[in-house]
Protein backbone atom coordinates (compact mmCIF):
# COMPACT_ATOMS: atom_id res chain seq x y z
CA MET A 1 -24.97 60.10 -20.07
CA PRO A 2 -27.32 57.16 -19.35
CA ALA A 3 -27.06 53.89 -21.22
CA THR A 4 -29.26 53.24 -24.24
CA ALA A 5 -30.74 50.18 -25.92
CA THR A 6 -31.43 50.22 -29.67
CA LYS A 7 -32.55 47.60 -32.19
CA ILE A 8 -29.80 47.19 -34.81
CA ASP A 9 -32.32 46.33 -37.54
CA SER A 10 -35.32 48.64 -37.10
CA THR A 11 -37.49 46.33 -39.24
CA CYS A 12 -36.85 43.31 -36.99
CA HIS A 13 -39.87 42.13 -35.01
CA SER A 14 -39.87 39.32 -32.50
CA PRO A 15 -43.17 37.92 -31.20
CA LEU A 16 -41.56 35.80 -28.47
CA LEU A 17 -38.02 36.64 -27.29
CA PHE A 18 -36.98 40.02 -25.92
CA ILE A 19 -34.02 41.43 -24.02
CA GLY A 20 -35.33 42.63 -20.65
CA ARG A 21 -33.45 43.97 -17.65
CA VAL A 22 -29.72 44.60 -18.09
CA LEU A 23 -27.43 45.57 -15.23
CA LEU A 24 -23.73 45.95 -14.50
CA ARG A 25 -22.38 45.96 -10.95
CA PRO A 26 -19.27 45.04 -8.96
CA SER A 27 -18.95 41.37 -8.04
CA THR A 28 -19.43 40.44 -4.41
CA PRO A 29 -16.36 39.53 -2.31
CA ALA A 30 -17.55 35.89 -2.19
CA ALA A 31 -17.82 35.74 -6.00
CA LEU A 32 -14.36 37.32 -6.36
CA GLN A 33 -12.87 34.65 -4.09
CA GLN A 34 -14.13 31.99 -6.49
CA PHE A 35 -13.43 33.87 -9.76
CA PRO A 36 -11.03 36.77 -9.12
CA ASP A 37 -10.99 37.86 -12.79
CA ALA A 38 -14.73 38.64 -12.67
CA LYS A 39 -14.38 42.12 -11.16
CA TYR A 40 -17.85 43.03 -12.43
CA VAL A 41 -20.99 41.04 -13.18
CA LEU A 42 -23.29 41.70 -16.12
CA GLY A 43 -26.86 40.46 -15.83
CA VAL A 44 -29.02 40.10 -18.96
CA ASP A 45 -32.62 38.84 -18.92
CA ILE A 46 -34.37 37.13 -21.80
CA ILE A 47 -38.11 37.68 -21.36
CA GLY A 48 -41.34 36.92 -23.21
CA PRO A 49 -44.40 38.99 -24.14
CA PRO A 50 -46.95 40.16 -21.51
CA GLU A 51 -48.91 37.39 -19.78
CA TYR A 52 -46.61 34.77 -21.27
CA ARG A 53 -44.68 31.79 -19.93
CA VAL A 54 -43.10 29.11 -22.08
CA ALA A 55 -40.52 26.35 -21.61
CA LEU A 56 -37.79 26.31 -24.24
CA ASP A 57 -34.92 24.07 -25.26
CA ASN A 58 -31.47 25.48 -26.03
CA LEU A 59 -32.24 28.98 -24.79
CA MET A 60 -29.25 30.97 -26.03
CA LEU A 61 -27.92 34.48 -25.50
CA PHE A 62 -25.26 35.78 -27.89
CA LEU A 63 -23.13 38.69 -26.64
CA THR A 64 -20.43 40.69 -28.42
CA ILE A 65 -18.45 43.52 -26.81
CA THR A 66 -18.45 46.55 -29.12
CA ASP A 67 -16.77 49.08 -26.81
CA PRO A 68 -14.23 49.62 -25.34
CA PRO A 69 -12.10 48.27 -28.18
CA LEU A 70 -9.20 45.89 -27.67
CA ASN A 71 -5.85 47.52 -26.93
CA PRO A 72 -3.11 47.08 -29.56
CA ASP A 73 -1.39 44.54 -27.27
CA GLY A 74 -4.54 42.35 -27.13
CA THR A 75 -5.56 43.37 -23.62
CA GLY A 76 -8.89 44.95 -22.83
CA VAL A 77 -12.39 44.09 -21.70
CA PHE A 78 -13.51 40.45 -21.82
CA PHE A 79 -16.42 38.31 -20.70
CA VAL A 80 -15.22 35.85 -18.04
CA GLN A 81 -16.80 33.18 -15.89
CA HIS A 82 -18.57 34.41 -12.78
CA ALA A 83 -19.70 32.48 -9.70
CA ASP A 84 -23.31 32.80 -10.95
CA THR A 85 -22.57 31.54 -14.48
CA GLY A 86 -24.73 28.42 -14.50
CA TRP A 87 -25.02 27.58 -18.20
CA LEU A 88 -22.85 26.31 -21.07
CA TRP A 89 -20.10 28.75 -22.13
CA GLY A 90 -19.79 28.83 -25.93
CA LEU A 91 -16.86 30.21 -27.91
CA PRO A 92 -17.03 30.99 -31.65
CA VAL A 93 -15.00 28.74 -33.93
CA SER A 94 -14.08 31.74 -36.11
CA ASP A 95 -14.41 35.53 -36.05
CA ASP A 96 -17.41 35.43 -38.38
CA THR A 97 -19.37 32.59 -36.71
CA PRO A 98 -23.05 33.66 -36.74
CA PRO A 99 -25.49 33.07 -33.88
CA GLY A 100 -26.92 29.54 -33.76
CA MET A 101 -25.98 26.01 -32.78
CA ASP A 102 -23.31 25.52 -35.46
CA GLY A 103 -19.88 27.11 -35.36
CA TRP A 104 -19.66 27.30 -31.57
CA LYS A 105 -17.74 25.06 -29.16
CA GLU A 106 -18.57 24.73 -25.51
CA ASP A 107 -15.61 25.45 -23.29
CA PRO A 108 -14.75 22.67 -20.81
CA HIS A 109 -12.09 24.75 -19.02
CA GLN A 110 -12.54 25.94 -15.44
CA PRO A 111 -12.59 28.85 -15.30
CA HIS A 112 -13.92 29.31 -18.83
CA GLN A 113 -11.72 31.06 -21.38
CA PRO A 114 -12.16 34.85 -21.62
CA THR A 115 -13.86 36.04 -24.80
CA ARG A 116 -15.34 39.13 -26.43
CA ARG A 117 -17.96 37.00 -28.25
CA LEU A 118 -19.99 34.59 -26.19
CA ARG A 119 -22.87 32.17 -26.55
CA GLY A 120 -24.58 31.30 -23.28
CA ARG A 121 -26.74 28.19 -23.68
CA LYS A 122 -29.22 26.72 -21.22
CA LEU A 123 -30.36 23.25 -22.24
CA GLN A 124 -33.86 23.97 -20.93
CA ASP A 125 -35.40 26.98 -19.25
CA ALA A 126 -38.62 28.95 -19.10
CA ILE A 127 -39.16 32.60 -19.91
CA TRP A 128 -41.85 34.76 -18.39
CA SER A 129 -43.03 38.25 -19.15
CA GLY A 130 -41.88 41.44 -17.51
CA PRO A 131 -38.64 42.94 -16.17
CA ALA A 132 -36.52 40.64 -13.99
CA ASN A 133 -38.98 37.82 -14.65
CA GLY A 134 -37.23 35.96 -17.42
CA SER A 135 -34.18 33.79 -17.73
CA THR A 136 -31.17 35.68 -16.37
CA TYR A 137 -27.63 35.18 -17.64
CA TRP A 138 -24.86 36.27 -15.26
CA ILE A 139 -21.53 37.00 -16.94
CA GLY A 140 -18.29 38.20 -15.40
CA VAL A 141 -16.57 41.24 -16.92
CA ASN A 142 -12.82 41.73 -16.68
CA GLY A 143 -10.65 44.66 -17.76
CA LEU A 144 -13.26 47.40 -17.43
CA LYS A 145 -11.96 50.46 -15.62
CA ASP A 146 -14.18 52.05 -12.98
CA THR A 147 -14.73 55.12 -15.19
CA GLN A 148 -15.41 53.20 -18.43
CA THR A 149 -18.75 52.16 -19.84
CA LEU A 150 -19.53 48.85 -21.52
CA SER A 151 -21.24 48.57 -24.91
CA PHE A 152 -22.30 45.24 -26.42
CA THR A 153 -24.84 43.53 -28.63
CA ALA A 154 -27.30 41.01 -27.22
CA TYR A 155 -29.27 38.52 -29.31
CA PRO A 156 -31.61 35.80 -27.94
CA MET A 157 -32.48 32.52 -29.69
CA ALA A 158 -34.24 29.31 -28.61
CA GLU A 159 -35.91 26.11 -29.74
CA LYS A 160 -39.43 24.97 -28.88
CA ALA A 161 -40.57 21.58 -30.13
CA VAL A 162 -39.52 21.51 -33.80
CA ALA A 163 -39.28 25.27 -34.37
CA THR A 164 -36.52 27.77 -33.74
CA THR A 165 -37.31 31.31 -32.64
CA SER A 166 -35.10 34.37 -32.52
CA GLY A 167 -35.25 37.81 -31.06
CA CYS A 168 -33.80 41.00 -32.51
CA THR A 169 -30.19 42.05 -32.02
CA ILE A 170 -30.03 44.87 -29.48
CA GLN A 171 -27.10 47.29 -29.14
CA MET A 172 -26.57 48.26 -25.50
CA THR A 173 -24.44 51.40 -25.40
CA GLY A 174 -22.68 53.11 -22.53
CA LEU A 175 -23.70 50.85 -19.62
CA SER A 176 -21.99 52.23 -16.53
CA ILE A 177 -21.07 50.34 -13.39
CA ASN A 178 -24.07 50.18 -11.02
CA GLU A 179 -26.46 51.08 -13.85
CA ASN A 180 -29.67 49.13 -14.39
CA LEU A 181 -31.80 49.27 -17.58
CA ASN A 182 -35.36 47.95 -17.56
CA GLY A 183 -37.26 47.42 -20.75
CA THR A 184 -38.61 45.08 -23.37
CA TRP A 185 -36.28 45.42 -26.33
CA GLY A 186 -36.78 43.65 -29.61
CA GLY A 187 -40.52 43.73 -30.22
């Protein structure tokens, strides 16, 4: 069954930030040499509307793994640092920390601490319109079996000048290894 992407709140409308291309694939041998826990790499694009390009401050992507669940012993699937992770790795201060600047701490560890809830923050970046034309976040995935699928929520947020803008929370369900979804989710 192919992966799906669904808005969690059907009434949500974002004029600026959308989740674009999403893919999951095995890490390259070179990336595994640097970060052996990142068996797979997840790529998530934040894109803008058609014919659009804008520079943003604090461009953030919030991710939460929804399936597979944690095992009773605390093992399972986690987001981990990947060789292509080139942004600030944020961990929630508590289990109910909402998306935003507050309630998150940036992890100074190398490699970054594994987590099931993650805030990726780029101090400054630009988004463009169209698939594979936005700001891509590369995240390692550890603990996923070759036959399992990955489900997670993705939520973009950014600042421009004195305003803050948000996208809609998107539930990605059943993403298989070597699967690629192209779309504009969150409008």
